Amino acid sequence: DTEREIGPVGLGCREGGVLVPVRDYNTLTQIDWVLGQPEADGRDVVVLTVRVLGPGRGTSGIAEDQMFSDYEQKLFTRVVAIAERHGRRVMLLVAPGTNIFDALAQSAVQLRAGLIVVGESEVMTPERQAHLLGEAWDRTPHDVGLSTRFVVLGKDRRVLRSEEHTSELQS
């Protein structure tokens, strides 16, 4: 479905779920890791990819025939295969944005996510990922009661949580 606003009701998920952003279909270890965690068993898992819009190229929405690009279809096909191996259901979401971190923070707020799990970036340190998401979180209007943790899953499958290298995303 295409919607103007992202929300738990429209997506069919409960508040407090896990939001897992993905970009590269060759690096989806964060999905596999999340779905294998006991903490995620009782939570809905939303897999998000951000469709980056260039400056001045705005959009009035995503048409039905543009819902998934070929790349997004391949990306989500691999995500669904991982979910099926775990016997789990995931919700797939494409959100347009000009800044990946702002789109991620806005999606987390709108879905009232309790946890964001990202894979370690190829181009920046986990500390930098946490810093950029923290800045985006601060720019995104949200209620004081929303508490969302941010976790980076390292390439070596080491988990970097808020008490180590990431920031607690809390008002």
C-alpha atoms as a PDB file:
ATOM      1  CA  ASP A   1       0.000   0.000   0.000  1.00  0.00           C
ATOM      2  CA  THR A   2       1.083   3.554  -0.472  1.00  0.00           C
ATOM      3  CA  GLU A   3       0.404   5.955   2.364  1.00  0.00           C
ATOM      4  CA  ARG A   4       1.346   9.563   3.020  1.00  0.00           C
ATOM      5  CA  GLU A   5       2.076   8.867   6.699  1.00  0.00           C
ATOM      6  CA  ILE A   6       3.827   5.905   8.286  1.00  0.00           C
ATOM      7  CA  GLY A   7       2.192   4.513  11.401  1.00  0.00           C
ATOM      8  CA  PRO A   8       1.635   1.332  13.375  1.00  0.00           C
ATOM      9  CA  VAL A   9      -2.034   1.072  12.385  1.00  0.00           C
ATOM     10  CA  GLY A  10      -1.431   1.609   8.654  1.00  0.00           C
ATOM     11  CA  LEU A  11       1.465  -0.850   8.613  1.00  0.00           C
ATOM     12  CA  GLY A  12      -0.304  -3.364  10.845  1.00  0.00           C
ATOM     13  CA  CYS A  13       2.362  -3.469  13.530  1.00  0.00           C
ATOM     14  CA  ARG A  14       2.396  -2.887  17.251  1.00  0.00           C
ATOM     15  CA  GLU A  15       4.245  -0.112  19.030  1.00  0.00           C
ATOM     16  CA  GLY A  16       7.603  -1.022  20.557  1.00  0.00           C
ATOM     17  CA  GLY A  17       8.698  -3.103  17.579  1.00  0.00           C
ATOM     18  CA  VAL A  18      12.095  -3.465  15.983  1.00  0.00           C
ATOM     19  CA  LEU A  19      13.013  -1.259  13.031  1.00  0.00           C
ATOM     20  CA  VAL A  20      15.779  -2.661  10.819  1.00  0.00           C
ATOM     21  CA  PRO A  21      17.032  -0.410   8.037  1.00  0.00           C
ATOM     22  CA  VAL A  22      18.630  -2.106   5.020  1.00  0.00           C
ATOM     23  CA  ARG A  23      20.390  -0.802   1.906  1.00  0.00           C
ATOM     24  CA  ASP A  24      22.536  -3.581   0.452  1.00  0.00           C
ATOM     25  CA  TYR A  25      21.117  -7.037  -0.262  1.00  0.00           C
ATOM     26  CA  ASN A  26      24.589  -8.507   0.222  1.00  0.00           C
ATOM     27  CA  THR A  27      24.832  -7.319   3.838  1.00  0.00           C
ATOM     28  CA  LEU A  28      21.715  -8.399   5.705  1.00  0.00           C
ATOM     29  CA  THR A  29      23.281  -9.974   8.793  1.00  0.00           C
ATOM     30  CA  GLN A  30      21.366  -7.537  11.008  1.00  0.00           C
ATOM     31  CA  ILE A  31      18.069  -9.108   9.857  1.00  0.00           C
ATOM     32  CA  ASP A  32      19.315 -12.619  10.562  1.00  0.00           C
ATOM     33  CA  TRP A  33      20.624 -11.498  13.966  1.00  0.00           C
ATOM     34  CA  VAL A  34      17.415  -9.683  14.980  1.00  0.00           C
ATOM     35  CA  LEU A  35      15.184 -12.588  14.013  1.00  0.00           C
ATOM     36  CA  GLY A  36      17.351 -14.948  16.081  1.00  0.00           C
ATOM     37  CA  GLN A  37      17.121 -12.834  19.257  1.00  0.00           C
ATOM     38  CA  PRO A  38      14.717 -13.880  22.032  1.00  0.00           C
ATOM     39  CA  GLU A  39      14.055 -10.160  22.656  1.00  0.00           C
ATOM     40  CA  ALA A  40      12.528  -9.893  19.166  1.00  0.00           C
ATOM     41  CA  ASP A  41      10.201 -12.902  19.569  1.00  0.00           C
ATOM     42  CA  GLY A  42       7.278 -10.902  20.921  1.00  0.00           C
ATOM     43  CA  ARG A  43       7.902  -7.844  18.767  1.00  0.00           C
ATOM     44  CA  ASP A  44       6.949  -6.913  15.243  1.00  0.00           C
ATOM     45  CA  VAL A  45       9.932  -6.457  12.939  1.00  0.00           C
ATOM     46  CA  VAL A  46       9.752  -3.735  10.295  1.00  0.00           C
ATOM     47  CA  VAL A  47      12.431  -3.747   7.601  1.00  0.00           C
ATOM     48  CA  LEU A  48      12.958  -0.296   6.143  1.00  0.00           C
ATOM     49  CA  THR A  49      14.799   0.940   3.119  1.00  0.00           C
ATOM     50  CA  VAL A  50      14.998   4.633   2.354  1.00  0.00           C
ATOM     51  CA  ARG A  51      14.453   5.733  -1.224  1.00  0.00           C
ATOM     52  CA  VAL A  52      16.820   8.682  -1.425  1.00  0.00           C
ATOM     53  CA  LEU A  53      15.365  11.603  -3.326  1.00  0.00           C
ATOM     54  CA  GLY A  54      17.776  14.078  -4.857  1.00  0.00           C
ATOM     55  CA  PRO A  55      17.647  17.786  -4.070  1.00  0.00           C
ATOM     56  CA  GLY A  56      14.919  19.523  -6.029  1.00  0.00           C
ATOM     57  CA  ARG A  57      13.452  16.227  -7.222  1.00  0.00           C
ATOM     58  CA  GLY A  58      10.656  16.057  -4.615  1.00  0.00           C
ATOM     59  CA  THR A  59       7.808  13.638  -4.970  1.00  0.00           C
ATOM     60  CA  SER A  60       4.078  13.873  -4.541  1.00  0.00           C
ATOM     61  CA  GLY A  61       4.036  10.253  -3.449  1.00  0.00           C
ATOM     62  CA  ILE A  62       4.973   6.869  -4.780  1.00  0.00           C
ATOM     63  CA  ALA A  63       2.587   5.579  -7.423  1.00  0.00           C
ATOM     64  CA  GLU A  64       1.295   2.014  -7.239  1.00  0.00           C
ATOM     65  CA  ASP A  65       3.491   0.956 -10.173  1.00  0.00           C
ATOM     66  CA  GLN A  66       6.554   2.504  -8.483  1.00  0.00           C
ATOM     67  CA  MET A  67       6.058   0.893  -5.079  1.00  0.00           C
ATOM     68  CA  PHE A  68       9.204  -1.227  -5.353  1.00  0.00           C
ATOM     69  CA  SER A  69      12.052  -0.539  -7.730  1.00  0.00           C
ATOM     70  CA  ASP A  70      13.787  -3.600  -9.162  1.00  0.00           C
ATOM     71  CA  TYR A  71      16.564  -3.129  -6.631  1.00  0.00           C
ATOM     72  CA  GLU A  72      14.120  -2.845  -3.709  1.00  0.00           C
ATOM     73  CA  GLN A  73      12.308  -5.952  -4.940  1.00  0.00           C
ATOM     74  CA  LYS A  74      15.565  -7.934  -4.943  1.00  0.00           C
ATOM     75  CA  LEU A  75      16.496  -6.493  -1.538  1.00  0.00           C
ATOM     76  CA  PHE A  76      13.153  -7.405   0.021  1.00  0.00           C
ATOM     77  CA  THR A  77      13.112 -10.843  -1.636  1.00  0.00           C
ATOM     78  CA  ARG A  78      16.320 -11.637   0.238  1.00  0.00           C
ATOM     79  CA  VAL A  79      14.908 -10.166   3.455  1.00  0.00           C
ATOM     80  CA  VAL A  80      11.796 -12.361   3.183  1.00  0.00           C
ATOM     81  CA  ALA A  81      13.954 -15.447   2.541  1.00  0.00           C
ATOM     82  CA  ILE A  82      15.840 -14.773   5.794  1.00  0.00           C
ATOM     83  CA  ALA A  83      12.570 -14.264   7.679  1.00  0.00           C
ATOM     84  CA  GLU A  84      11.169 -17.519   6.288  1.00  0.00           C
ATOM     85  CA  ARG A  85      14.267 -19.413   7.478  1.00  0.00           C
ATOM     86  CA  HIS A  86      13.449 -18.142  10.979  1.00  0.00           C
ATOM     87  CA  GLY A  87       9.752 -18.886  10.588  1.00  0.00           C
ATOM     88  CA  ARG A  88       9.007 -15.204  11.224  1.00  0.00           C
ATOM     89  CA  ARG A  89       6.962 -12.529   9.560  1.00  0.00           C
ATOM     90  CA  VAL A  90       8.455  -9.125   8.759  1.00  0.00           C
ATOM     91  CA  MET A  91       6.825  -5.977   7.443  1.00  0.00           C
ATOM     92  CA  LEU A  92       8.506  -4.230   4.523  1.00  0.00           C
ATOM     93  CA  LEU A  93       8.631  -0.466   4.226  1.00  0.00           C
ATOM     94  CA  VAL A  94      10.041   1.946   1.647  1.00  0.00           C
ATOM     95  CA  ALA A  95      10.242   5.518   2.926  1.00  0.00           C
ATOM     96  CA  PRO A  96      11.267   8.407   0.700  1.00  0.00           C
ATOM     97  CA  GLY A  97      13.739  10.916   2.088  1.00  0.00           C
ATOM     98  CA  THR A  98      16.609  13.230   1.266  1.00  0.00           C
ATOM     99  CA  ASN A  99      18.640  12.157   4.302  1.00  0.00           C
ATOM    100  CA  ILE A 100      18.810   8.514   5.381  1.00  0.00           C
ATOM    101  CA  PHE A 101      19.229   9.311   9.076  1.00  0.00           C
ATOM    102  CA  ASP A 102      16.317  11.773   9.131  1.00  0.00           C
ATOM    103  CA  ALA A 103      14.083   9.271   7.327  1.00  0.00           C
ATOM    104  CA  LEU A 104      15.135   6.563   9.795  1.00  0.00           C
ATOM    105  CA  ALA A 105      14.456   8.754  12.844  1.00  0.00           C
ATOM    106  CA  GLN A 106      11.093   9.897  11.454  1.00  0.00           C
ATOM    107  CA  SER A 107      10.083   6.307  10.678  1.00  0.00           C
ATOM    108  CA  ALA A 108      11.093   5.164  14.179  1.00  0.00           C
ATOM    109  CA  VAL A 109       9.057   7.956  15.781  1.00  0.00           C
ATOM    110  CA  GLN A 110       6.013   7.383  13.590  1.00  0.00           C
ATOM    111  CA  LEU A 111       6.104   3.628  14.238  1.00  0.00           C
ATOM    112  CA  ARG A 112       6.968   4.172  17.920  1.00  0.00           C
ATOM    113  CA  ALA A 113       9.794   1.643  17.528  1.00  0.00           C
ATOM    114  CA  GLY A 114      11.452   0.407  20.697  1.00  0.00           C
ATOM    115  CA  LEU A 115      14.645  -0.716  18.985  1.00  0.00           C
ATOM    116  CA  ILE A 116      16.580   0.197  15.843  1.00  0.00           C
ATOM    117  CA  VAL A 117      19.172  -2.324  14.659  1.00  0.00           C
ATOM    118  CA  VAL A 118      21.567  -1.402  11.861  1.00  0.00           C
ATOM    119  CA  GLY A 119      24.473  -3.217  10.321  1.00  0.00           C
ATOM    120  CA  GLU A 120      27.907  -1.650  10.532  1.00  0.00           C
ATOM    121  CA  SER A 121      28.472   0.762   7.677  1.00  0.00           C
ATOM    122  CA  GLU A 122      31.128   0.257   5.022  1.00  0.00           C
ATOM    123  CA  VAL A 123      31.868   3.988   4.999  1.00  0.00           C
ATOM    124  CA  MET A 124      31.602   5.165   8.618  1.00  0.00           C
ATOM    125  CA  THR A 125      32.324   3.977  12.130  1.00  0.00           C
ATOM    126  CA  PRO A 126      29.560   2.759  14.447  1.00  0.00           C
ATOM    127  CA  GLU A 127      30.217   5.852  16.573  1.00  0.00           C
ATOM    128  CA  ARG A 128      29.595   8.091  13.557  1.00  0.00           C
ATOM    129  CA  GLN A 129      26.409   6.153  12.702  1.00  0.00           C
ATOM    130  CA  ALA A 130      25.177   6.669  16.262  1.00  0.00           C
ATOM    131  CA  HIS A 131      26.115  10.351  16.200  1.00  0.00           C
ATOM    132  CA  LEU A 132      24.290  11.036  12.918  1.00  0.00           C
ATOM    133  CA  LEU A 133      21.207   9.145  14.050  1.00  0.00           C
ATOM    134  CA  GLY A 134      21.294  10.995  17.387  1.00  0.00           C
ATOM    135  CA  GLU A 135      21.357  14.332  15.569  1.00  0.00           C
ATOM    136  CA  ALA A 136      18.462  13.247  13.350  1.00  0.00           C
ATOM    137  CA  TRP A 137      16.574  12.055  16.439  1.00  0.00           C
ATOM    138  CA  ASP A 138      17.019  15.455  18.065  1.00  0.00           C
ATOM    139  CA  ARG A 139      15.643  17.180  14.926  1.00  0.00           C
ATOM    140  CA  THR A 140      12.605  14.892  14.767  1.00  0.00           C
ATOM    141  CA  PRO A 141       9.589  15.957  16.835  1.00  0.00           C
ATOM    142  CA  HIS A 142       8.523  13.186  19.218  1.00  0.00           C
ATOM    143  CA  ASP A 143       6.810  12.837  22.556  1.00  0.00           C
ATOM    144  CA  VAL A 144       8.827  12.690  25.746  1.00  0.00           C
ATOM    145  CA  GLY A 145       7.621   9.187  26.593  1.00  0.00           C
ATOM    146  CA  LEU A 146       9.151   7.549  23.514  1.00  0.00           C
ATOM    147  CA  SER A 147      12.313   5.606  24.319  1.00  0.00           C
ATOM    148  CA  THR A 148      14.097   3.913  21.450  1.00  0.00           C
ATOM    149  CA  ARG A 149      17.402   2.047  21.713  1.00  0.00           C
ATOM    150  CA  PHE A 150      19.924   2.011  18.876  1.00  0.00           C
ATOM    151  CA  VAL A 151      22.150  -0.989  18.210  1.00  0.00           C
ATOM    152  CA  VAL A 152      24.877  -1.463  15.608  1.00  0.00           C
ATOM    153  CA  LEU A 153      25.686  -5.041  14.650  1.00  0.00           C
ATOM    154  CA  GLY A 154      29.380  -5.130  13.753  1.00  0.00           C
ATOM    155  CA  LYS A 155      30.776  -6.994  10.783  1.00  0.00           C
ATOM    156  CA  ASP A 156      32.270  -9.436  13.287  1.00  0.00           C
ATOM    157  CA  ARG A 157      28.709  -9.865  14.721  1.00  0.00           C
ATOM    158  CA  ARG A 158      29.741  -7.939  17.819  1.00  0.00           C
ATOM    159  CA  VAL A 159      26.812  -5.991  19.205  1.00  0.00           C
ATOM    160  CA  LEU A 160      27.457  -2.343  19.959  1.00  0.00           C
ATOM    161  CA  ARG A 161      24.687  -1.124  22.260  1.00  0.00           C
ATOM    162  CA  SER A 162      23.928   2.220  23.808  1.00  0.00           C
ATOM    163  CA  GLU A 163      26.162   1.518  26.819  1.00  0.00           C
ATOM    164  CA  GLU A 164      29.115   0.962  24.502  1.00  0.00           C
ATOM    165  CA  HIS A 165      29.292   3.000  21.303  1.00  0.00           C
ATOM    166  CA  THR A 166      25.768   4.024  20.460  1.00  0.00           C
ATOM    167  CA  SER A 167      23.503   6.611  21.941  1.00  0.00           C
ATOM    168  CA  GLU A 168      20.261   6.044  23.775  1.00  0.00           C
ATOM    169  CA  LEU A 169      17.645   7.734  21.672  1.00  0.00           C
ATOM    170  CA  GLN A 170      15.598   9.291  24.374  1.00  0.00           C
ATOM    171  CA  SER A 171      14.123  12.741  24.813  1.00  0.00           C
END
